[in-house]
Amino acid sequence: MTRSAADKTLTLLKFAALLGLCLAGMSLAADYRDGVVPDFPAAVKGEQCVAPVEVMRRDHMTLLFHQRDRTVYFGERATPYSLTGCLSCHTQKDARGAYIPINAPGQFCQSCHSFVSVNMDCFECHATTPRQRAVFKHPAVDEQN
């Protein structure tokens, strides 16, 4: 079976588009390594991250995958490389005091992932904001205070 000229042209166009995307991605990655970084909000808590900035920029995905495996297979949740740990420092609040989703435009995770053209799918399943603890108020106790 032979392919038509239109099929060959379409395949060539797809290859050219893919090559162009790869080259653009490599250019952005080179800029990032050369000190050009996206504009993203600073962490709101803590003096320093759980690892040096260079390590987190390069290896955060590996650390998160490793943490995911430790949580799923061994039930270990309280480690420095959990998504909960990330959210506890890197989420911002709006003027009303409500958390802004970490994957909203201009927020910490989304800023970097957009800068390097990487799809962030963590938050298809995981919460985009920290859980706000409910405050239990018992009427009898409140009346006494």
N, C-alpha and C. Protein backbone atom coordinates (compact mmCIF):
# COMPACT_ATOMS: atom_id res chain seq x y z
N MET A 1 0.85 -1.16 0.00
CA MET A 1 0.00 0.00 0.00
C MET A 1 0.91 1.24 0.00
N THR A 2 0.64 2.18 -0.84
CA THR A 2 1.45 3.40 -0.93
C THR A 2 0.69 4.55 -0.31
N ARG A 3 1.47 5.46 0.18
CA ARG A 3 0.86 6.65 0.80
C ARG A 3 0.71 7.73 -0.25
N SER A 4 -0.34 8.49 -0.12
CA SER A 4 -0.58 9.57 -1.07
C SER A 4 0.34 10.74 -0.76
N ALA A 5 0.47 11.63 -1.70
CA ALA A 5 1.31 12.82 -1.52
C ALA A 5 0.79 13.68 -0.37
N ALA A 6 -0.54 13.73 -0.22
CA ALA A 6 -1.12 14.53 0.87
C ALA A 6 -0.73 13.94 2.22
N ASP A 7 -0.73 12.60 2.35
CA ASP A 7 -0.32 11.96 3.60
C ASP A 7 1.14 12.26 3.91
N LYS A 8 1.98 12.19 2.89
CA LYS A 8 3.41 12.47 3.09
C LYS A 8 3.63 13.92 3.51
N THR A 9 2.89 14.84 2.88
CA THR A 9 3.01 16.27 3.22
C THR A 9 2.55 16.51 4.66
N LEU A 10 1.45 15.89 5.04
CA LEU A 10 0.93 16.04 6.40
C LEU A 10 1.93 15.51 7.42
N THR A 11 2.52 14.36 7.13
CA THR A 11 3.53 13.79 8.02
C THR A 11 4.73 14.72 8.15
N LEU A 12 5.17 15.27 7.05
CA LEU A 12 6.30 16.20 7.06
C LEU A 12 5.98 17.45 7.86
N LEU A 13 4.76 17.97 7.71
CA LEU A 13 4.35 19.15 8.47
C LEU A 13 4.29 18.86 9.97
N LYS A 14 3.78 17.69 10.34
CA LYS A 14 3.75 17.31 11.75
C LYS A 14 5.16 17.21 12.32
N PHE A 15 6.07 16.62 11.54
CA PHE A 15 7.45 16.49 11.99
C PHE A 15 8.08 17.87 12.16
N ALA A 16 7.84 18.78 11.23
CA ALA A 16 8.40 20.13 11.31
C ALA A 16 7.85 20.87 12.53
N ALA A 17 6.57 20.71 12.79
CA ALA A 17 5.97 21.37 13.95
C ALA A 17 6.56 20.81 15.25
N LEU A 18 6.70 19.50 15.32
CA LEU A 18 7.28 18.88 16.51
C LEU A 18 8.73 19.32 16.71
N LEU A 19 9.49 19.39 15.63
CA LEU A 19 10.87 19.85 15.71
C LEU A 19 10.92 21.29 16.21
N GLY A 20 10.03 22.14 15.70
CA GLY A 20 9.98 23.54 16.14
C GLY A 20 9.67 23.66 17.62
N LEU A 21 8.72 22.85 18.10
CA LEU A 21 8.39 22.87 19.53
C LEU A 21 9.56 22.41 20.38
N CYS A 22 10.25 21.39 19.92
CA CYS A 22 11.42 20.90 20.67
C CYS A 22 12.51 21.97 20.74
N LEU A 23 12.77 22.64 19.63
CA LEU A 23 13.79 23.68 19.63
C LEU A 23 13.39 24.86 20.51
N ALA A 24 12.12 25.23 20.50
CA ALA A 24 11.65 26.32 21.36
C ALA A 24 11.80 25.93 22.82
N GLY A 25 11.46 24.69 23.15
CA GLY A 25 11.61 24.22 24.53
C GLY A 25 13.06 24.21 24.98
N MET A 26 13.96 23.80 24.09
CA MET A 26 15.37 23.79 24.43
C MET A 26 15.88 25.22 24.63
N SER A 27 15.37 26.15 23.85
CA SER A 27 15.77 27.55 24.00
C SER A 27 15.32 28.09 25.36
N LEU A 28 14.07 27.79 25.76
CA LEU A 28 13.59 28.23 27.06
C LEU A 28 14.39 27.60 28.19
N ALA A 29 14.70 26.31 28.05
CA ALA A 29 15.48 25.64 29.08
C ALA A 29 16.86 26.25 29.19
N ALA A 30 17.46 26.63 28.06
CA ALA A 30 18.78 27.27 28.09
C ALA A 30 18.70 28.62 28.78
N ASP A 31 17.64 29.40 28.52
CA ASP A 31 17.46 30.68 29.20
C ASP A 31 17.34 30.48 30.70
N TYR A 32 16.59 29.47 31.12
CA TYR A 32 16.39 29.19 32.53
C TYR A 32 17.72 28.86 33.20
N ARG A 33 18.55 28.04 32.53
CA ARG A 33 19.86 27.69 33.07
C ARG A 33 20.78 28.91 33.11
N ASP A 34 20.59 29.85 32.20
CA ASP A 34 21.45 31.02 32.13
C ASP A 34 21.03 32.13 33.08
N GLY A 35 20.11 31.85 33.97
CA GLY A 35 19.73 32.83 34.97
C GLY A 35 18.44 33.57 34.68
N VAL A 36 17.82 33.35 33.52
CA VAL A 36 16.54 33.98 33.23
C VAL A 36 15.48 33.11 33.90
N VAL A 37 14.75 33.69 34.82
CA VAL A 37 13.73 32.93 35.55
C VAL A 37 12.38 33.62 35.40
N PRO A 38 11.30 32.87 35.54
CA PRO A 38 9.97 33.48 35.44
C PRO A 38 9.70 34.38 36.63
N ASP A 39 8.73 35.23 36.46
CA ASP A 39 8.29 36.10 37.55
C ASP A 39 7.24 35.33 38.34
N PHE A 40 7.60 34.91 39.55
CA PHE A 40 6.65 34.17 40.37
C PHE A 40 6.69 34.70 41.79
N PRO A 41 5.59 34.52 42.53
CA PRO A 41 5.55 35.02 43.90
C PRO A 41 6.52 34.26 44.81
N ALA A 42 7.07 34.95 45.76
CA ALA A 42 7.97 34.33 46.73
C ALA A 42 7.17 33.47 47.69
N ALA A 43 7.85 32.56 48.34
CA ALA A 43 7.21 31.73 49.36
C ALA A 43 6.71 32.63 50.48
N VAL A 44 5.60 32.26 51.08
CA VAL A 44 5.01 33.10 52.12
C VAL A 44 5.40 32.68 53.52
N LYS A 45 5.96 31.48 53.67
CA LYS A 45 6.38 31.02 54.99
C LYS A 45 7.79 30.46 54.90
N GLY A 46 8.46 30.44 56.00
CA GLY A 46 9.77 29.80 56.07
C GLY A 46 10.89 30.68 55.57
N GLU A 47 12.07 30.38 56.05
CA GLU A 47 13.26 31.13 55.65
C GLU A 47 13.92 30.53 54.41
N GLN A 48 13.80 29.19 54.25
CA GLN A 48 14.40 28.56 53.10
C GLN A 48 13.63 27.29 52.76
N CYS A 49 13.78 26.85 51.53
CA CYS A 49 13.07 25.67 51.05
C CYS A 49 13.69 24.41 51.66
N VAL A 50 13.06 23.27 51.44
CA VAL A 50 13.55 22.00 51.98
C VAL A 50 14.84 21.55 51.31
N ALA A 51 15.17 22.17 50.19
CA ALA A 51 16.43 21.89 49.48
C ALA A 51 16.86 23.19 48.80
N PRO A 52 18.13 23.30 48.41
CA PRO A 52 18.58 24.51 47.72
C PRO A 52 17.76 24.78 46.46
N VAL A 53 17.63 26.05 46.11
CA VAL A 53 16.82 26.45 44.96
C VAL A 53 17.22 25.71 43.70
N GLU A 54 18.51 25.57 43.44
CA GLU A 54 18.97 24.91 42.22
C GLU A 54 18.48 23.46 42.18
N VAL A 55 18.52 22.79 43.34
CA VAL A 55 18.07 21.40 43.42
C VAL A 55 16.57 21.33 43.16
N MET A 56 15.80 22.21 43.77
CA MET A 56 14.35 22.19 43.60
C MET A 56 13.96 22.50 42.15
N ARG A 57 14.63 23.44 41.52
CA ARG A 57 14.32 23.74 40.12
C ARG A 57 14.58 22.54 39.22
N ARG A 58 15.64 21.85 39.49
CA ARG A 58 16.05 20.74 38.63
C ARG A 58 15.35 19.43 38.99
N ASP A 59 15.16 19.15 40.27
CA ASP A 59 14.77 17.81 40.70
C ASP A 59 13.43 17.71 41.42
N HIS A 60 12.64 18.79 41.48
CA HIS A 60 11.42 18.71 42.28
C HIS A 60 10.47 17.61 41.81
N MET A 61 10.42 17.37 40.50
CA MET A 61 9.52 16.34 40.00
C MET A 61 9.97 14.96 40.46
N THR A 62 11.26 14.71 40.44
CA THR A 62 11.79 13.42 40.92
C THR A 62 11.49 13.26 42.41
N LEU A 63 11.68 14.33 43.17
CA LEU A 63 11.39 14.28 44.60
C LEU A 63 9.91 14.00 44.86
N LEU A 64 9.04 14.63 44.07
CA LEU A 64 7.60 14.40 44.24
C LEU A 64 7.21 12.97 43.85
N PHE A 65 7.81 12.45 42.78
CA PHE A 65 7.53 11.06 42.39
C PHE A 65 7.98 10.09 43.47
N HIS A 66 9.18 10.34 44.02
CA HIS A 66 9.70 9.49 45.08
C HIS A 66 8.77 9.56 46.30
N GLN A 67 8.34 10.76 46.64
CA GLN A 67 7.42 10.94 47.77
C GLN A 67 6.11 10.22 47.49
N ARG A 68 5.61 10.33 46.28
CA ARG A 68 4.36 9.65 45.92
C ARG A 68 4.49 8.15 46.18
N ASP A 69 5.61 7.56 45.75
CA ASP A 69 5.82 6.12 45.95
C ASP A 69 5.90 5.78 47.44
N ARG A 70 6.60 6.61 48.22
CA ARG A 70 6.71 6.35 49.67
C ARG A 70 5.33 6.42 50.33
N THR A 71 4.51 7.35 49.88
CA THR A 71 3.17 7.49 50.46
C THR A 71 2.28 6.32 50.06
N VAL A 72 2.26 5.98 48.78
CA VAL A 72 1.37 4.92 48.29
C VAL A 72 1.78 3.55 48.84
N TYR A 73 3.06 3.24 48.80
CA TYR A 73 3.50 1.90 49.19
C TYR A 73 3.73 1.73 50.69
N PHE A 74 4.14 2.79 51.38
CA PHE A 74 4.50 2.65 52.79
C PHE A 74 3.69 3.54 53.73
N GLY A 75 2.80 4.36 53.19
CA GLY A 75 1.96 5.21 54.02
C GLY A 75 2.67 6.40 54.64
N GLU A 76 3.87 6.73 54.17
CA GLU A 76 4.63 7.86 54.72
C GLU A 76 4.13 9.16 54.10
N ARG A 77 3.55 10.01 54.92
CA ARG A 77 3.00 11.28 54.43
C ARG A 77 3.76 12.49 54.96
N ALA A 78 4.28 12.41 56.13
CA ALA A 78 4.91 13.57 56.78
C ALA A 78 6.39 13.65 56.41
N THR A 79 6.65 14.03 55.18
CA THR A 79 8.03 14.22 54.75
C THR A 79 8.14 15.59 54.09
N PRO A 80 9.33 16.13 53.96
CA PRO A 80 9.47 17.49 53.42
C PRO A 80 9.12 17.61 51.94
N TYR A 81 9.03 16.51 51.20
CA TYR A 81 8.81 16.59 49.76
C TYR A 81 7.37 16.28 49.35
N SER A 82 6.43 16.49 50.24
CA SER A 82 5.03 16.23 49.91
C SER A 82 4.40 17.46 49.27
N LEU A 83 3.33 17.24 48.53
CA LEU A 83 2.61 18.38 47.95
C LEU A 83 2.05 19.27 49.06
N THR A 84 1.67 18.68 50.18
CA THR A 84 1.18 19.46 51.31
C THR A 84 2.26 20.41 51.79
N GLY A 85 3.50 19.92 51.84
CA GLY A 85 4.62 20.78 52.22
C GLY A 85 4.80 21.94 51.26
N CYS A 86 4.70 21.65 49.97
CA CYS A 86 4.83 22.71 48.97
C CYS A 86 3.74 23.77 49.14
N LEU A 87 2.50 23.29 49.28
CA LEU A 87 1.37 24.20 49.40
C LEU A 87 1.43 25.03 50.67
N SER A 88 2.02 24.48 51.72
CA SER A 88 2.05 25.22 52.98
C SER A 88 2.90 26.49 52.88
N CYS A 89 3.86 26.52 51.95
CA CYS A 89 4.71 27.71 51.81
C CYS A 89 4.44 28.53 50.55
N HIS A 90 3.98 27.90 49.50
CA HIS A 90 3.95 28.57 48.21
C HIS A 90 2.57 29.03 47.74
N THR A 91 1.55 28.94 48.57
CA THR A 91 0.24 29.46 48.16
C THR A 91 0.06 30.88 48.67
N GLN A 92 -0.64 31.66 47.88
CA GLN A 92 -0.91 33.06 48.21
C GLN A 92 -2.39 33.22 48.56
N LYS A 93 -2.71 34.30 49.25
CA LYS A 93 -4.11 34.62 49.57
C LYS A 93 -4.51 35.88 48.82
N ASP A 94 -5.79 35.95 48.48
CA ASP A 94 -6.31 37.15 47.83
C ASP A 94 -6.69 38.21 48.87
N ALA A 95 -7.26 39.30 48.43
CA ALA A 95 -7.60 40.42 49.32
C ALA A 95 -8.62 40.02 50.39
N ARG A 96 -9.46 39.04 50.10
CA ARG A 96 -10.46 38.58 51.08
C ARG A 96 -9.89 37.56 52.06
N GLY A 97 -8.64 37.13 51.83
CA GLY A 97 -8.03 36.15 52.72
C GLY A 97 -8.23 34.70 52.29
N ALA A 98 -8.82 34.51 51.11
CA ALA A 98 -9.03 33.15 50.59
C ALA A 98 -7.80 32.72 49.80
N TYR A 99 -7.46 31.44 49.87
CA TYR A 99 -6.31 30.94 49.13
C TYR A 99 -6.56 31.02 47.62
N ILE A 100 -5.52 31.40 46.88
CA ILE A 100 -5.55 31.40 45.42
C ILE A 100 -4.99 30.04 44.99
N PRO A 101 -5.66 29.33 44.09
CA PRO A 101 -5.14 28.03 43.65
C PRO A 101 -3.70 28.15 43.11
N ILE A 102 -2.86 27.22 43.48
CA ILE A 102 -1.44 27.23 43.12
C ILE A 102 -1.24 27.14 41.61
N ASN A 103 -2.23 26.60 40.91
CA ASN A 103 -2.12 26.48 39.46
C ASN A 103 -2.86 27.58 38.71
N ALA A 104 -3.27 28.62 39.41
CA ALA A 104 -3.90 29.78 38.77
C ALA A 104 -2.82 30.62 38.09
N PRO A 105 -3.16 31.32 37.01
CA PRO A 105 -2.15 32.16 36.33
C PRO A 105 -1.48 33.12 37.31
N GLY A 106 -0.15 33.18 37.23
CA GLY A 106 0.62 34.08 38.07
C GLY A 106 1.02 33.50 39.41
N GLN A 107 0.54 32.30 39.74
CA GLN A 107 0.89 31.68 41.01
C GLN A 107 2.15 30.85 40.86
N PHE A 108 2.70 30.41 41.98
CA PHE A 108 4.04 29.82 42.02
C PHE A 108 4.24 28.68 41.03
N CYS A 109 3.50 27.59 41.18
CA CYS A 109 3.71 26.43 40.30
C CYS A 109 3.40 26.78 38.84
N GLN A 110 2.26 27.43 38.62
CA GLN A 110 1.84 27.72 37.25
C GLN A 110 2.82 28.65 36.55
N SER A 111 3.41 29.59 37.25
CA SER A 111 4.35 30.53 36.62
C SER A 111 5.54 29.80 36.01
N CYS A 112 6.15 28.91 36.77
CA CYS A 112 7.31 28.17 36.26
C CYS A 112 6.93 27.19 35.17
N HIS A 113 5.83 26.46 35.38
CA HIS A 113 5.43 25.47 34.38
C HIS A 113 5.05 26.14 33.07
N SER A 114 4.40 27.28 33.12
CA SER A 114 4.09 28.02 31.89
C SER A 114 5.36 28.51 31.22
N PHE A 115 6.30 28.99 32.01
CA PHE A 115 7.57 29.51 31.50
C PHE A 115 8.32 28.47 30.68
N VAL A 116 8.31 27.22 31.15
CA VAL A 116 9.05 26.17 30.45
C VAL A 116 8.13 25.28 29.61
N SER A 117 6.88 25.69 29.45
CA SER A 117 5.91 24.98 28.61
C SER A 117 5.74 23.52 29.01
N VAL A 118 5.53 23.29 30.30
CA VAL A 118 5.33 21.95 30.81
C VAL A 118 3.93 21.86 31.41
N ASN A 119 3.20 20.82 31.03
CA ASN A 119 1.87 20.61 31.57
C ASN A 119 1.97 20.11 33.01
N MET A 120 1.21 20.70 33.88
CA MET A 120 1.22 20.33 35.29
C MET A 120 -0.09 19.58 35.57
N ASP A 121 0.01 18.26 35.78
CA ASP A 121 -1.21 17.49 35.99
C ASP A 121 -1.40 17.01 37.42
N CYS A 122 -0.55 17.43 38.35
CA CYS A 122 -0.68 17.03 39.76
C CYS A 122 -2.06 17.36 40.29
N PHE A 123 -2.56 18.53 39.90
CA PHE A 123 -3.77 19.06 40.51
C PHE A 123 -5.05 18.64 39.80
N GLU A 124 -4.92 17.67 38.91
CA GLU A 124 -6.13 17.05 38.39
C GLU A 124 -6.75 16.17 39.48
N CYS A 125 -5.89 15.68 40.38
CA CYS A 125 -6.37 14.85 41.50
C CYS A 125 -6.17 15.52 42.85
N HIS A 126 -5.10 16.28 43.00
CA HIS A 126 -4.75 16.88 44.29
C HIS A 126 -5.33 18.28 44.43
N ALA A 127 -5.57 18.69 45.67
CA ALA A 127 -6.11 20.01 45.97
C ALA A 127 -5.13 21.10 45.55
N THR A 128 -5.63 22.21 45.09
CA THR A 128 -4.79 23.33 44.64
C THR A 128 -4.55 24.36 45.73
N THR A 129 -5.21 24.18 46.87
CA THR A 129 -5.03 25.09 48.01
C THR A 129 -4.91 24.25 49.28
N PRO A 130 -4.27 24.81 50.31
CA PRO A 130 -4.20 24.09 51.58
C PRO A 130 -5.59 23.93 52.18
N ARG A 131 -5.76 22.89 52.96
CA ARG A 131 -7.02 22.72 53.69
C ARG A 131 -7.08 23.74 54.81
N GLN A 132 -8.22 24.36 54.94
CA GLN A 132 -8.41 25.28 56.06
C GLN A 132 -9.05 24.49 57.19
N ARG A 133 -8.43 24.53 58.34
CA ARG A 133 -8.92 23.77 59.48
C ARG A 133 -10.23 24.38 59.99
N ALA A 134 -11.19 23.52 60.22
CA ALA A 134 -12.46 23.97 60.78
C ALA A 134 -12.28 24.29 62.25
N VAL A 135 -12.90 25.34 62.70
CA VAL A 135 -12.85 25.71 64.11
C VAL A 135 -14.13 25.20 64.75
N PHE A 136 -13.97 24.32 65.72
CA PHE A 136 -15.12 23.75 66.40
C PHE A 136 -15.59 24.70 67.48
N LYS A 137 -16.85 25.07 67.44
CA LYS A 137 -17.42 25.93 68.47
C LYS A 137 -18.62 25.22 69.08
N HIS A 138 -18.52 25.02 70.35
CA HIS A 138 -19.62 24.38 71.07
C HIS A 138 -20.41 25.48 71.78
N PRO A 139 -21.73 25.56 71.57
CA PRO A 139 -22.52 26.64 72.15
C PRO A 139 -22.39 26.75 73.68
N ALA A 140 -22.38 25.64 74.38
CA ALA A 140 -22.29 25.68 75.84
C ALA A 140 -20.95 26.23 76.30
N VAL A 141 -19.89 25.90 75.59
CA VAL A 141 -18.55 26.37 75.95
C VAL A 141 -18.43 27.86 75.63
N ASP A 142 -18.98 28.27 74.48
CA ASP A 142 -18.89 29.67 74.09
C ASP A 142 -19.66 30.57 75.06
N GLU A 143 -20.76 30.09 75.62
CA GLU A 143 -21.55 30.89 76.56
C GLU A 143 -20.80 31.11 77.86
N GLN A 144 -19.95 30.15 78.23
CA GLN A 144 -19.21 30.26 79.47
C GLN A 144 -18.03 31.24 79.35
N ASN A 145 -17.56 31.45 78.16
CA ASN A 145 -16.38 32.32 77.95
C ASN A 145 -16.75 33.74 77.73
